[in-house]
Amino acid sequence: MGSLSIWHWLIVLAVVLVVFGGGGKISSMMGDFAKGIKSFKKHMADDEPMDEPAPRAGGHISPPPAAKPVDPAAVQPEKTHQP
């Protein structure tokens, strides 16, 4: 098993500092985290949808040509080879 590496000791030290470092630090950190998530969600809802391309300056973007409907009677089945 061996001894703990430097990363293990740093994680243990960080946990000890958070737990015993003073009152209210955990709750304030979680409050800040929640505010960040709410702000992120709000700004994501405010953004324009990604489906439509943004118009370029000085030009007009035309929509792509529409596909023509296919007449099933005009489509011929593929020929198969029979041995």
PDB file of N, CA and C in Angstrom:
ATOM      1  N   MET A   1       0.822  -1.182   0.000  1.00  0.00           N
ATOM      2  CA  MET A   1       0.000   0.000   0.000  1.00  0.00           C
ATOM      3  C   MET A   1       0.870   1.251   0.000  1.00  0.00           C
ATOM      4  N   GLY A   2       1.816   1.346   0.889  1.00  0.00           N
ATOM      5  CA  GLY A   2       2.742   2.465   0.851  1.00  0.00           C
ATOM      6  C   GLY A   2       2.199   3.717   1.519  1.00  0.00           C
ATOM      7  N   SER A   3       2.964   4.776   1.418  1.00  0.00           N
ATOM      8  CA  SER A   3       2.579   6.040   2.038  1.00  0.00           C
ATOM      9  C   SER A   3       1.741   6.877   1.071  1.00  0.00           C
ATOM     10  N   LEU A   4       1.176   7.935   1.595  1.00  0.00           N
ATOM     11  CA  LEU A   4       0.352   8.822   0.787  1.00  0.00           C
ATOM     12  C   LEU A   4       1.233   9.775  -0.018  1.00  0.00           C
ATOM     13  N   SER A   5       0.795  10.087  -1.222  1.00  0.00           N
ATOM     14  CA  SER A   5       1.552  11.006  -2.068  1.00  0.00           C
ATOM     15  C   SER A   5       1.269  12.453  -1.647  1.00  0.00           C
ATOM     16  N   ILE A   6       1.947  13.382  -2.275  1.00  0.00           N
ATOM     17  CA  ILE A   6       1.775  14.804  -1.956  1.00  0.00           C
ATOM     18  C   ILE A   6       0.350  15.261  -2.251  1.00  0.00           C
ATOM     19  N   TRP A   7      -0.274  14.710  -3.312  1.00  0.00           N
ATOM     20  CA  TRP A   7      -1.637  15.102  -3.662  1.00  0.00           C
ATOM     21  C   TRP A   7      -2.620  14.667  -2.589  1.00  0.00           C
ATOM     22  N   HIS A   8      -2.411  13.498  -2.015  1.00  0.00           N
ATOM     23  CA  HIS A   8      -3.290  13.050  -0.938  1.00  0.00           C
ATOM     24  C   HIS A   8      -3.200  13.992   0.258  1.00  0.00           C
ATOM     25  N   TRP A   9      -1.960  14.386   0.615  1.00  0.00           N
ATOM     26  CA  TRP A   9      -1.785  15.280   1.753  1.00  0.00           C
ATOM     27  C   TRP A   9      -2.387  16.665   1.482  1.00  0.00           C
ATOM     28  N   LEU A  10      -2.282  17.148   0.239  1.00  0.00           N
ATOM     29  CA  LEU A  10      -2.881  18.445  -0.082  1.00  0.00           C
ATOM     30  C   LEU A  10      -4.402  18.404   0.007  1.00  0.00           C
ATOM     31  N   ILE A  11      -5.001  17.306  -0.418  1.00  0.00           N
ATOM     32  CA  ILE A  11      -6.460  17.175  -0.322  1.00  0.00           C
ATOM     33  C   ILE A  11      -6.897  17.104   1.133  1.00  0.00           C
ATOM     34  N   VAL A  12      -6.167  16.336   1.949  1.00  0.00           N
ATOM     35  CA  VAL A  12      -6.494  16.250   3.372  1.00  0.00           C
ATOM     36  C   VAL A  12      -6.355  17.619   4.028  1.00  0.00           C
ATOM     37  N   LEU A  13      -5.305  18.343   3.709  1.00  0.00           N
ATOM     38  CA  LEU A  13      -5.098  19.680   4.266  1.00  0.00           C
ATOM     39  C   LEU A  13      -6.222  20.629   3.854  1.00  0.00           C
ATOM     40  N   ALA A  14      -6.653  20.567   2.589  1.00  0.00           N
ATOM     41  CA  ALA A  14      -7.740  21.426   2.119  1.00  0.00           C
ATOM     42  C   ALA A  14      -9.041  21.110   2.848  1.00  0.00           C
ATOM     43  N   VAL A  15      -9.336  19.831   3.056  1.00  0.00           N
ATOM     44  CA  VAL A  15     -10.564  19.449   3.767  1.00  0.00           C
ATOM     45  C   VAL A  15     -10.512  19.933   5.205  1.00  0.00           C
ATOM     46  N   VAL A  16      -9.373  19.778   5.852  1.00  0.00           N
ATOM     47  CA  VAL A  16      -9.229  20.227   7.243  1.00  0.00           C
ATOM     48  C   VAL A  16      -9.392  21.743   7.325  1.00  0.00           C
ATOM     49  N   LEU A  17      -8.814  22.483   6.397  1.00  0.00           N
ATOM     50  CA  LEU A  17      -8.946  23.940   6.418  1.00  0.00           C
ATOM     51  C   LEU A  17     -10.389  24.380   6.192  1.00  0.00           C
ATOM     52  N   VAL A  18     -11.118  23.693   5.313  1.00  0.00           N
ATOM     53  CA  VAL A  18     -12.506  24.067   5.060  1.00  0.00           C
ATOM     54  C   VAL A  18     -13.365  23.754   6.270  1.00  0.00           C
ATOM     55  N   VAL A  19     -13.146  22.574   6.869  1.00  0.00           N
ATOM     56  CA  VAL A  19     -13.985  22.167   8.000  1.00  0.00           C
ATOM     57  C   VAL A  19     -13.680  23.002   9.241  1.00  0.00           C
ATOM     58  N   PHE A  20     -12.403  23.197   9.548  1.00  0.00           N
ATOM     59  CA  PHE A  20     -12.041  23.884  10.789  1.00  0.00           C
ATOM     60  C   PHE A  20     -11.590  25.323  10.569  1.00  0.00           C
ATOM     61  N   GLY A  21     -11.682  25.829   9.357  1.00  0.00           N
ATOM     62  CA  GLY A  21     -11.167  27.153   9.041  1.00  0.00           C
ATOM     63  C   GLY A  21     -12.009  28.302   9.535  1.00  0.00           C
ATOM     64  N   GLY A  22     -13.206  28.099   9.918  1.00  0.00           N
ATOM     65  CA  GLY A  22     -14.039  29.184  10.401  1.00  0.00           C
ATOM     66  C   GLY A  22     -15.497  28.929  10.068  1.00  0.00           C
ATOM     67  N   GLY A  23     -16.354  29.623  10.780  1.00  0.00           N
ATOM     68  CA  GLY A  23     -17.782  29.406  10.600  1.00  0.00           C
ATOM     69  C   GLY A  23     -18.328  30.093   9.373  1.00  0.00           C
ATOM     70  N   GLY A  24     -19.228  29.431   8.686  1.00  0.00           N
ATOM     71  CA  GLY A  24     -19.938  30.038   7.578  1.00  0.00           C
ATOM     72  C   GLY A  24     -19.227  29.988   6.237  1.00  0.00           C
ATOM     73  N   LYS A  25     -18.026  29.431   6.177  1.00  0.00           N
ATOM     74  CA  LYS A  25     -17.316  29.408   4.897  1.00  0.00           C
ATOM     75  C   LYS A  25     -17.985  28.446   3.916  1.00  0.00           C
ATOM     76  N   ILE A  26     -18.400  27.305   4.412  1.00  0.00           N
ATOM     77  CA  ILE A  26     -19.021  26.323   3.515  1.00  0.00           C
ATOM     78  C   ILE A  26     -20.339  26.864   2.984  1.00  0.00           C
ATOM     79  N   SER A  27     -21.152  27.443   3.873  1.00  0.00           N
ATOM     80  CA  SER A  27     -22.446  27.957   3.421  1.00  0.00           C
ATOM     81  C   SER A  27     -22.271  29.126   2.454  1.00  0.00           C
ATOM     82  N   SER A  28     -21.270  29.973   2.674  1.00  0.00           N
ATOM     83  CA  SER A  28     -21.053  31.086   1.741  1.00  0.00           C
ATOM     84  C   SER A  28     -20.528  30.577   0.393  1.00  0.00           C
ATOM     85  N   MET A  29     -19.696  29.541   0.415  1.00  0.00           N
ATOM     86  CA  MET A  29     -19.202  28.976  -0.837  1.00  0.00           C
ATOM     87  C   MET A  29     -20.349  28.351  -1.619  1.00  0.00           C
ATOM     88  N   MET A  30     -21.241  27.630  -0.945  1.00  0.00           N
ATOM     89  CA  MET A  30     -22.364  26.995  -1.622  1.00  0.00           C
ATOM     90  C   MET A  30     -23.350  28.047  -2.128  1.00  0.00           C
ATOM     91  N   GLY A  31     -23.516  29.136  -1.387  1.00  0.00           N
ATOM     92  CA  GLY A  31     -24.383  30.221  -1.840  1.00  0.00           C
ATOM     93  C   GLY A  31     -23.852  30.871  -3.110  1.00  0.00           C
ATOM     94  N   ASP A  32     -22.539  31.096  -3.141  1.00  0.00           N
ATOM     95  CA  ASP A  32     -21.923  31.656  -4.345  1.00  0.00           C
ATOM     96  C   ASP A  32     -22.051  30.698  -5.527  1.00  0.00           C
ATOM     97  N   PHE A  33     -21.908  29.413  -5.259  1.00  0.00           N
ATOM     98  CA  PHE A  33     -22.043  28.404  -6.312  1.00  0.00           C
ATOM     99  C   PHE A  33     -23.466  28.399  -6.868  1.00  0.00           C
ATOM    100  N   ALA A  34     -24.456  28.484  -5.987  1.00  0.00           N
ATOM    101  CA  ALA A  34     -25.859  28.505  -6.423  1.00  0.00           C
ATOM    102  C   ALA A  34     -26.155  29.766  -7.240  1.00  0.00           C
ATOM    103  N   LYS A  35     -25.620  30.904  -6.829  1.00  0.00           N
ATOM    104  CA  LYS A  35     -25.816  32.141  -7.592  1.00  0.00           C
ATOM    105  C   LYS A  35     -25.213  32.024  -8.991  1.00  0.00           C
ATOM    106  N   GLY A  36     -24.058  31.399  -9.077  1.00  0.00           N
ATOM    107  CA  GLY A  36     -23.421  31.211 -10.377  1.00  0.00           C
ATOM    108  C   GLY A  36     -24.256  30.327 -11.296  1.00  0.00           C
ATOM    109  N   ILE A  37     -24.829  29.266 -10.749  1.00  0.00           N
ATOM    110  CA  ILE A  37     -25.665  28.375 -11.559  1.00  0.00           C
ATOM    111  C   ILE A  37     -26.923  29.099 -12.024  1.00  0.00           C
ATOM    112  N   LYS A  38     -27.558  29.851 -11.125  1.00  0.00           N
ATOM    113  CA  LYS A  38     -28.764  30.594 -11.504  1.00  0.00           C
ATOM    114  C   LYS A  38     -28.452  31.617 -12.595  1.00  0.00           C
ATOM    115  N   SER A  39     -27.335  32.313 -12.461  1.00  0.00           N
ATOM    116  CA  SER A  39     -26.949  33.300 -13.466  1.00  0.00           C
ATOM    117  C   SER A  39     -26.687  32.623 -14.810  1.00  0.00           C
ATOM    118  N   PHE A  40     -26.029  31.464 -14.780  1.00  0.00           N
ATOM    119  CA  PHE A  40     -25.749  30.724 -16.013  1.00  0.00           C
ATOM    120  C   PHE A  40     -27.041  30.312 -16.701  1.00  0.00           C
ATOM    121  N   LYS A  41     -27.987  29.773 -15.942  1.00  0.00           N
ATOM    122  CA  LYS A  41     -29.267  29.343 -16.517  1.00  0.00           C
ATOM    123  C   LYS A  41     -30.037  30.530 -17.083  1.00  0.00           C
ATOM    124  N   LYS A  42     -29.998  31.666 -16.381  1.00  0.00           N
ATOM    125  CA  LYS A  42     -30.707  32.860 -16.844  1.00  0.00           C
ATOM    126  C   LYS A  42     -30.134  33.342 -18.170  1.00  0.00           C
ATOM    127  N   HIS A  43     -28.827  33.385 -18.277  1.00  0.00           N
ATOM    128  CA  HIS A  43     -28.200  33.862 -19.508  1.00  0.00           C
ATOM    129  C   HIS A  43     -28.370  32.865 -20.650  1.00  0.00           C
ATOM    130  N   MET A  44     -28.446  31.581 -20.350  1.00  0.00           N
ATOM    131  CA  MET A  44     -28.694  30.586 -21.394  1.00  0.00           C
ATOM    132  C   MET A  44     -30.109  30.743 -21.947  1.00  0.00           C
ATOM    133  N   ALA A  45     -31.070  31.091 -21.096  1.00  0.00           N
ATOM    134  CA  ALA A  45     -32.444  31.281 -21.546  1.00  0.00           C
ATOM    135  C   ALA A  45     -32.583  32.576 -22.353  1.00  0.00           C
ATOM    136  N   ASP A  46     -31.741  33.564 -22.071  1.00  0.00           N
ATOM    137  CA  ASP A  46     -31.819  34.839 -22.773  1.00  0.00           C
ATOM    138  C   ASP A  46     -31.206  34.787 -24.164  1.00  0.00           C
ATOM    139  N   ASP A  47     -30.307  33.849 -24.399  1.00  0.00           N
ATOM    140  CA  ASP A  47     -29.625  33.766 -25.694  1.00  0.00           C
ATOM    141  C   ASP A  47     -30.589  33.378 -26.802  1.00  0.00           C
ATOM    142  N   GLU A  48     -30.209  33.767 -28.036  1.00  0.00           N
ATOM    143  CA  GLU A  48     -30.993  33.392 -29.207  1.00  0.00           C
ATOM    144  C   GLU A  48     -30.771  31.919 -29.485  1.00  0.00           C
ATOM    145  N   PRO A  49     -31.733  31.249 -30.093  1.00  0.00           N
ATOM    146  CA  PRO A  49     -31.526  29.843 -30.429  1.00  0.00           C
ATOM    147  C   PRO A  49     -30.410  29.685 -31.454  1.00  0.00           C
ATOM    148  N   MET A  50     -29.712  28.557 -31.389  1.00  0.00           N
ATOM    149  CA  MET A  50     -28.562  28.322 -32.250  1.00  0.00           C
ATOM    150  C   MET A  50     -28.963  27.837 -33.638  1.00  0.00           C
ATOM    151  N   ASP A  51     -30.247  27.507 -33.865  1.00  0.00           N
ATOM    152  CA  ASP A  51     -30.685  26.963 -35.140  1.00  0.00           C
ATOM    153  C   ASP A  51     -30.579  27.976 -36.273  1.00  0.00           C
ATOM    154  N   GLU A  52     -30.846  29.234 -35.986  1.00  0.00           N
ATOM    155  CA  GLU A  52     -30.846  30.260 -37.014  1.00  0.00           C
ATOM    156  C   GLU A  52     -29.484  30.953 -37.050  1.00  0.00           C
ATOM    157  N   PRO A  53     -28.864  31.065 -38.229  1.00  0.00           N
ATOM    158  CA  PRO A  53     -27.587  31.778 -38.289  1.00  0.00           C
ATOM    159  C   PRO A  53     -27.809  33.274 -38.117  1.00  0.00           C
ATOM    160  N   ALA A  54     -26.848  33.910 -37.495  1.00  0.00           N
ATOM    161  CA  ALA A  54     -26.940  35.350 -37.290  1.00  0.00           C
ATOM    162  C   ALA A  54     -26.707  36.057 -38.620  1.00  0.00           C
ATOM    163  N   PRO A  55     -27.478  37.096 -38.922  1.00  0.00           N
ATOM    164  CA  PRO A  55     -27.274  37.807 -40.194  1.00  0.00           C
ATOM    165  C   PRO A  55     -25.935  38.534 -40.188  1.00  0.00           C
ATOM    166  N   ARG A  56     -25.306  38.564 -41.348  1.00  0.00           N
ATOM    167  CA  ARG A  56     -24.032  39.252 -41.474  1.00  0.00           C
ATOM    168  C   ARG A  56     -24.271  40.734 -41.723  1.00  0.00           C
ATOM    169  N   ALA A  57     -23.279  41.503 -41.386  1.00  0.00           N
ATOM    170  CA  ALA A  57     -23.396  42.945 -41.580  1.00  0.00           C
ATOM    171  C   ALA A  57     -23.390  43.247 -43.079  1.00  0.00           C
ATOM    172  N   GLY A  58     -24.373  43.996 -43.538  1.00  0.00           N
ATOM    173  CA  GLY A  58     -24.418  44.431 -44.924  1.00  0.00           C
ATOM    174  C   GLY A  58     -24.938  43.398 -45.897  1.00  0.00           C
ATOM    175  N   GLY A  59     -25.489  42.318 -45.426  1.00  0.00           N
ATOM    176  CA  GLY A  59     -25.968  41.305 -46.357  1.00  0.00           C
ATOM    177  C   GLY A  59     -27.188  40.584 -45.818  1.00  0.00           C
ATOM    178  N   HIS A  60     -27.828  39.872 -46.704  1.00  0.00           N
ATOM    179  CA  HIS A  60     -29.016  39.126 -46.330  1.00  0.00           C
ATOM    180  C   HIS A  60     -28.738  37.649 -46.587  1.00  0.00           C
ATOM    181  N   ILE A  61     -29.064  36.834 -45.633  1.00  0.00           N
ATOM    182  CA  ILE A  61     -28.864  35.403 -45.787  1.00  0.00           C
ATOM    183  C   ILE A  61     -30.158  34.790 -46.292  1.00  0.00           C
ATOM    184  N   SER A  62     -30.086  34.161 -47.446  1.00  0.00           N
ATOM    185  CA  SER A  62     -31.279  33.537 -48.008  1.00  0.00           C
ATOM    186  C   SER A  62     -31.420  32.131 -47.451  1.00  0.00           C
ATOM    187  N   PRO A  63     -32.642  31.670 -47.278  1.00  0.00           N
ATOM    188  CA  PRO A  63     -32.836  30.314 -46.753  1.00  0.00           C
ATOM    189  C   PRO A  63     -32.414  29.283 -47.796  1.00  0.00           C
ATOM    190  N   PRO A  64     -32.080  28.083 -47.370  1.00  0.00           N
ATOM    191  CA  PRO A  64     -31.694  27.049 -48.334  1.00  0.00           C
ATOM    192  C   PRO A  64     -32.885  26.655 -49.191  1.00  0.00           C
ATOM    193  N   PRO A  65     -32.637  26.164 -50.406  1.00  0.00           N
ATOM    194  CA  PRO A  65     -33.759  25.783 -51.271  1.00  0.00           C
ATOM    195  C   PRO A  65     -34.535  24.620 -50.662  1.00  0.00           C
ATOM    196  N   ALA A  66     -35.844  24.649 -50.858  1.00  0.00           N
ATOM    197  CA  ALA A  66     -36.697  23.603 -50.317  1.00  0.00           C
ATOM    198  C   ALA A  66     -36.573  22.343 -51.161  1.00  0.00           C
ATOM    199  N   ALA A  67     -36.671  21.208 -50.520  1.00  0.00           N
ATOM    200  CA  ALA A  67     -36.595  19.936 -51.239  1.00  0.00           C
ATOM    201  C   ALA A  67     -37.914  19.676 -51.955  1.00  0.00           C
ATOM    202  N   LYS A  68     -37.824  19.115 -53.154  1.00  0.00           N
ATOM    203  CA  LYS A  68     -39.023  18.803 -53.923  1.00  0.00           C
ATOM    204  C   LYS A  68     -39.621  17.500 -53.404  1.00  0.00           C
ATOM    205  N   PRO A  69     -40.938  17.412 -53.304  1.00  0.00           N
ATOM    206  CA  PRO A  69     -41.541  16.156 -52.866  1.00  0.00           C
ATOM    207  C   PRO A  69     -41.343  15.077 -53.928  1.00  0.00           C
ATOM    208  N   VAL A  70     -41.185  13.856 -53.484  1.00  0.00           N
ATOM    209  CA  VAL A  70     -40.943  12.744 -54.391  1.00  0.00           C
ATOM    210  C   VAL A  70     -42.264  12.027 -54.655  1.00  0.00           C
ATOM    211  N   ASP A  71     -42.565  11.789 -55.950  1.00  0.00           N
ATOM    212  CA  ASP A  71     -43.765  11.057 -56.342  1.00  0.00           C
ATOM    213  C   ASP A  71     -43.449   9.566 -56.260  1.00  0.00           C
ATOM    214  N   PRO A  72     -44.151   8.813 -55.394  1.00  0.00           N
ATOM    215  CA  PRO A  72     -43.856   7.387 -55.248  1.00  0.00           C
ATOM    216  C   PRO A  72     -44.060   6.612 -56.554  1.00  0.00           C
ATOM    217  N   ALA A  73     -44.959   7.057 -57.431  1.00  0.00           N
ATOM    218  CA  ALA A  73     -45.199   6.342 -58.686  1.00  0.00           C
ATOM    219  C   ALA A  73     -44.033   6.510 -59.647  1.00  0.00           C
ATOM    220  N   ALA A  74     -43.267   7.587 -59.516  1.00  0.00           N
ATOM    221  CA  ALA A  74     -42.163   7.847 -60.421  1.00  0.00           C
ATOM    222  C   ALA A  74     -40.897   7.102 -60.014  1.00  0.00           C
ATOM    223  N   VAL A  75     -40.851   6.613 -58.775  1.00  0.00           N
ATOM    224  CA  VAL A  75     -39.663   5.922 -58.297  1.00  0.00           C
ATOM    225  C   VAL A  75     -39.717   4.476 -58.764  1.00  0.00           C
ATOM    226  N   GLN A  76     -38.658   4.022 -59.420  1.00  0.00           N
ATOM    227  CA  GLN A  76     -38.597   2.653 -59.892  1.00  0.00           C
ATOM    228  C   GLN A  76     -37.813   1.806 -58.895  1.00  0.00           C
ATOM    229  N   PRO A  77     -38.307   0.618 -58.596  1.00  0.00           N
ATOM    230  CA  PRO A  77     -37.571  -0.235 -57.646  1.00  0.00           C
ATOM    231  C   PRO A  77     -36.256  -0.695 -58.254  1.00  0.00           C
ATOM    232  N   GLU A  78     -35.294  -0.958 -57.374  1.00  0.00           N
ATOM    233  CA  GLU A  78     -33.991  -1.402 -57.843  1.00  0.00           C
ATOM    234  C   GLU A  78     -34.114  -2.821 -58.403  1.00  0.00           C
ATOM    235  N   LYS A  79     -33.367  -3.073 -59.431  1.00  0.00           N
ATOM    236  CA  LYS A  79     -33.359  -4.404 -60.015  1.00  0.00           C
ATOM    237  C   LYS A  79     -32.387  -5.279 -59.231  1.00  0.00           C
ATOM    238  N   THR A  80     -32.827  -6.480 -58.916  1.00  0.00           N
ATOM    239  CA  THR A  80     -31.963  -7.410 -58.203  1.00  0.00           C
ATOM    240  C   THR A  80     -31.535  -8.512 -59.147  1.00  0.00           C
ATOM    241  N   HIS A  81     -30.361  -8.980 -58.901  1.00  0.00           N
ATOM    242  CA  HIS A  81     -29.832 -10.067 -59.722  1.00  0.00           C
ATOM    243  C   HIS A  81     -30.248 -11.400 -59.111  1.00  0.00           C
ATOM    244  N   GLN A  82     -30.854 -12.239 -59.936  1.00  0.00           N
ATOM    245  CA  GLN A  82     -31.227 -13.562 -59.464  1.00  0.00           C
ATOM    246  C   GLN A  82     -30.358 -14.585 -60.158  1.00  0.00           C
ATOM    247  N   PRO A  83     -29.660 -15.414 -59.391  1.00  0.00           N
ATOM    248  CA  PRO A  83     -28.754 -16.404 -60.023  1.00  0.00           C
ATOM    249  C   PRO A  83     -29.470 -17.573 -60.645  1.00  0.00           C
TER     250      PRO A  83
END
